[in-house]
Amino acid sequence: MIARKHRFHGHGSLRYVYRNGHTVRTATTSLRYIVNQRRSTYRLAVVVSKKVSKSAVVRNRIRRRVYEIVRTNQTKIQEPYDMVFTVFSEQIANMPAEELRTIIINQLQRATIIK
């Protein structure tokens, strides 16, 4: 799990990213991001709708998997970005770890968040 300082707090911050951020999308996920010069580190939120899965257990598993991939690559994030991953598919819950890692890392690279 990522540290508390790397999580979003409140809907106002998310609303700002949704309104002003840039998007990188794949078939299963979407990454919305914007540089936040007011902070010293990145912030991350993972949004998994009930449309993806009615089970909270599955939705939380998806969140934890995405958080862990970003946490293990956090040293590569140089600027203080605000990032919101939105998940569209329940396939991510059972996807092999390496395949999911490839999807998330590719999105971060396409957004030029990591090099």
C-alpha atoms as a PDB file:
ATOM      1  CA  MET A   1       0.000   0.000   0.000  1.00  0.00           C
ATOM      2  CA  ILE A   2       1.241   3.467  -0.746  1.00  0.00           C
ATOM      3  CA  ALA A   3       1.967   5.940   2.038  1.00  0.00           C
ATOM      4  CA  ARG A   4      -0.728   8.320   3.244  1.00  0.00           C
ATOM      5  CA  LYS A   5       1.107  11.340   1.832  1.00  0.00           C
ATOM      6  CA  HIS A   6       0.707   9.854  -1.653  1.00  0.00           C
ATOM      7  CA  ARG A   7      -3.097   9.487  -1.454  1.00  0.00           C
ATOM      8  CA  PHE A   8      -5.830  11.924  -2.366  1.00  0.00           C
ATOM      9  CA  HIS A   9      -7.985  13.447   0.351  1.00  0.00           C
ATOM     10  CA  GLY A  10     -11.374  14.851  -0.566  1.00  0.00           C
ATOM     11  CA  HIS A  11     -13.316  15.113  -3.785  1.00  0.00           C
ATOM     12  CA  GLY A  12     -12.145  18.649  -4.600  1.00  0.00           C
ATOM     13  CA  SER A  13      -8.680  17.469  -5.584  1.00  0.00           C
ATOM     14  CA  LEU A  14     -10.094  14.700  -7.770  1.00  0.00           C
ATOM     15  CA  ARG A  15     -12.470  17.155  -9.406  1.00  0.00           C
ATOM     16  CA  TYR A  16      -9.525  19.414 -10.292  1.00  0.00           C
ATOM     17  CA  VAL A  17      -7.655  16.533 -11.963  1.00  0.00           C
ATOM     18  CA  TYR A  18     -10.774  15.426 -13.868  1.00  0.00           C
ATOM     19  CA  ARG A  19     -11.458  18.971 -15.069  1.00  0.00           C
ATOM     20  CA  ASN A  20      -7.911  20.064 -15.986  1.00  0.00           C
ATOM     21  CA  GLY A  21      -5.858  16.889 -16.412  1.00  0.00           C
ATOM     22  CA  HIS A  22      -4.624  15.025 -19.468  1.00  0.00           C
ATOM     23  CA  THR A  23      -5.713  11.471 -20.265  1.00  0.00           C
ATOM     24  CA  VAL A  24      -3.938   8.311 -21.393  1.00  0.00           C
ATOM     25  CA  ARG A  25      -6.390   5.491 -22.029  1.00  0.00           C
ATOM     26  CA  THR A  26      -6.248   1.767 -22.722  1.00  0.00           C
ATOM     27  CA  ALA A  27      -9.070  -0.762 -23.092  1.00  0.00           C
ATOM     28  CA  THR A  28      -9.038  -1.648 -19.385  1.00  0.00           C
ATOM     29  CA  THR A  29      -7.812   1.514 -17.631  1.00  0.00           C
ATOM     30  CA  SER A  30      -7.496   5.249 -17.975  1.00  0.00           C
ATOM     31  CA  LEU A  31      -4.878   7.518 -16.430  1.00  0.00           C
ATOM     32  CA  ARG A  32      -5.705  11.163 -15.786  1.00  0.00           C
ATOM     33  CA  TYR A  33      -2.808  13.297 -14.604  1.00  0.00           C
ATOM     34  CA  ILE A  34      -1.645  16.856 -14.024  1.00  0.00           C
ATOM     35  CA  VAL A  35       1.482  18.412 -12.518  1.00  0.00           C
ATOM     36  CA  ASN A  36       0.849  19.860  -9.040  1.00  0.00           C
ATOM     37  CA  GLN A  37       3.585  22.367  -8.150  1.00  0.00           C
ATOM     38  CA  ARG A  38       2.085  22.971  -4.698  1.00  0.00           C
ATOM     39  CA  ARG A  39       3.228  19.547  -3.526  1.00  0.00           C
ATOM     40  CA  SER A  40       6.623  17.932  -3.180  1.00  0.00           C
ATOM     41  CA  THR A  41       5.557  14.362  -4.064  1.00  0.00           C
ATOM     42  CA  TYR A  42       3.023  12.632  -6.272  1.00  0.00           C
ATOM     43  CA  ARG A  43      -0.546  11.730  -5.283  1.00  0.00           C
ATOM     44  CA  LEU A  44      -2.484   8.764  -6.613  1.00  0.00           C
ATOM     45  CA  ALA A  45      -6.096   7.606  -6.596  1.00  0.00           C
ATOM     46  CA  VAL A  46      -7.531   4.441  -8.113  1.00  0.00           C
ATOM     47  CA  VAL A  47     -11.214   4.605  -9.008  1.00  0.00           C
ATOM     48  CA  VAL A  48     -13.079   1.327  -9.474  1.00  0.00           C
ATOM     49  CA  SER A  49     -16.814   1.666 -10.056  1.00  0.00           C
ATOM     50  CA  LYS A  50     -19.500  -0.742  -8.918  1.00  0.00           C
ATOM     51  CA  LYS A  51     -20.154  -1.269 -12.621  1.00  0.00           C
ATOM     52  CA  VAL A  52     -16.812  -3.067 -12.761  1.00  0.00           C
ATOM     53  CA  SER A  53     -17.704  -5.441  -9.931  1.00  0.00           C
ATOM     54  CA  LYS A  54     -20.473  -5.490  -7.368  1.00  0.00           C
ATOM     55  CA  SER A  55     -18.097  -7.114  -4.884  1.00  0.00           C
ATOM     56  CA  ALA A  56     -16.119  -4.717  -2.680  1.00  0.00           C
ATOM     57  CA  VAL A  57     -13.524  -7.441  -2.205  1.00  0.00           C
ATOM     58  CA  VAL A  58     -12.787  -7.520  -5.940  1.00  0.00           C
ATOM     59  CA  ARG A  59     -12.766  -3.718  -6.259  1.00  0.00           C
ATOM     60  CA  ASN A  60     -10.329  -3.421  -3.337  1.00  0.00           C
ATOM     61  CA  ARG A  61      -8.080  -6.132  -4.817  1.00  0.00           C
ATOM     62  CA  ILE A  62      -7.886  -4.153  -8.052  1.00  0.00           C
ATOM     63  CA  ARG A  63      -6.996  -0.971  -6.122  1.00  0.00           C
ATOM     64  CA  ARG A  64      -4.292  -2.704  -4.114  1.00  0.00           C
ATOM     65  CA  ARG A  65      -2.718  -4.217  -7.225  1.00  0.00           C
ATOM     66  CA  VAL A  66      -2.487  -0.846  -9.010  1.00  0.00           C
ATOM     67  CA  TYR A  67      -1.230   0.932  -5.873  1.00  0.00           C
ATOM     68  CA  GLU A  68       1.510  -1.664  -5.464  1.00  0.00           C
ATOM     69  CA  ILE A  69       2.733  -1.324  -9.044  1.00  0.00           C
ATOM     70  CA  VAL A  70       3.016   2.445  -8.712  1.00  0.00           C
ATOM     71  CA  ARG A  71       4.638   2.149  -5.268  1.00  0.00           C
ATOM     72  CA  THR A  72       7.378  -0.154  -6.558  1.00  0.00           C
ATOM     73  CA  ASN A  73       8.145   2.360  -9.332  1.00  0.00           C
ATOM     74  CA  GLN A  74       7.797   5.552  -7.285  1.00  0.00           C
ATOM     75  CA  THR A  75      11.518   6.345  -7.431  1.00  0.00           C
ATOM     76  CA  LYS A  76      11.114   6.903 -11.197  1.00  0.00           C
ATOM     77  CA  ILE A  77       8.467   9.622 -10.665  1.00  0.00           C
ATOM     78  CA  GLN A  78      10.409  12.888 -10.703  1.00  0.00           C
ATOM     79  CA  GLU A  79       7.736  15.598 -10.583  1.00  0.00           C
ATOM     80  CA  PRO A  80       4.806  16.058  -8.167  1.00  0.00           C
ATOM     81  CA  TYR A  81       1.986  14.666 -10.309  1.00  0.00           C
ATOM     82  CA  ASP A  82      -1.625  14.155  -9.310  1.00  0.00           C
ATOM     83  CA  MET A  83      -2.740  10.881 -10.939  1.00  0.00           C
ATOM     84  CA  VAL A  84      -6.097   9.129 -11.109  1.00  0.00           C
ATOM     85  CA  PHE A  85      -6.333   5.609 -12.502  1.00  0.00           C
ATOM     86  CA  THR A  86      -9.864   4.644 -13.524  1.00  0.00           C
ATOM     87  CA  VAL A  87     -10.499   0.938 -14.051  1.00  0.00           C
ATOM     88  CA  PHE A  88     -13.087  -0.207 -16.611  1.00  0.00           C
ATOM     89  CA  SER A  89     -12.708  -3.975 -16.567  1.00  0.00           C
ATOM     90  CA  GLU A  90     -12.953  -6.695 -13.936  1.00  0.00           C
ATOM     91  CA  GLN A  91     -10.274  -8.616 -15.868  1.00  0.00           C
ATOM     92  CA  ILE A  92      -7.626  -6.689 -13.945  1.00  0.00           C
ATOM     93  CA  ALA A  93      -8.522  -8.539 -10.731  1.00  0.00           C
ATOM     94  CA  ASN A  94      -7.401 -11.869 -12.228  1.00  0.00           C
ATOM     95  CA  MET A  95      -4.863 -10.656 -14.776  1.00  0.00           C
ATOM     96  CA  PRO A  96      -1.312 -12.005 -14.391  1.00  0.00           C
ATOM     97  CA  ALA A  97       0.821  -9.584 -12.363  1.00  0.00           C
ATOM     98  CA  GLU A  98       3.413  -9.061 -15.085  1.00  0.00           C
ATOM     99  CA  GLU A  99       0.774  -8.216 -17.691  1.00  0.00           C
ATOM    100  CA  LEU A 100      -0.904  -5.702 -15.381  1.00  0.00           C
ATOM    101  CA  ARG A 101       2.470  -4.186 -14.511  1.00  0.00           C
ATOM    102  CA  THR A 102       3.210  -3.755 -18.224  1.00  0.00           C
ATOM    103  CA  ILE A 103      -0.115  -1.968 -18.813  1.00  0.00           C
ATOM    104  CA  ILE A 104       0.345   0.435 -15.878  1.00  0.00           C
ATOM    105  CA  ILE A 105       4.015   1.178 -16.655  1.00  0.00           C
ATOM    106  CA  ASN A 106       3.204   1.790 -20.337  1.00  0.00           C
ATOM    107  CA  GLN A 107       0.507   4.282 -19.369  1.00  0.00           C
ATOM    108  CA  LEU A 108       2.897   6.098 -17.038  1.00  0.00           C
ATOM    109  CA  GLN A 109       5.518   6.206 -19.786  1.00  0.00           C
ATOM    110  CA  ARG A 110       3.055   7.460 -22.411  1.00  0.00           C
ATOM    111  CA  ALA A 111       2.116  10.241 -19.975  1.00  0.00           C
ATOM    112  CA  THR A 112       5.864  10.979 -19.493  1.00  0.00           C
ATOM    113  CA  ILE A 113       5.448  10.602 -15.732  1.00  0.00           C
ATOM    114  CA  ILE A 114       8.271   8.069 -15.687  1.00  0.00           C
ATOM    115  CA  LYS A 115      11.061   7.811 -18.221  1.00  0.00           C
END
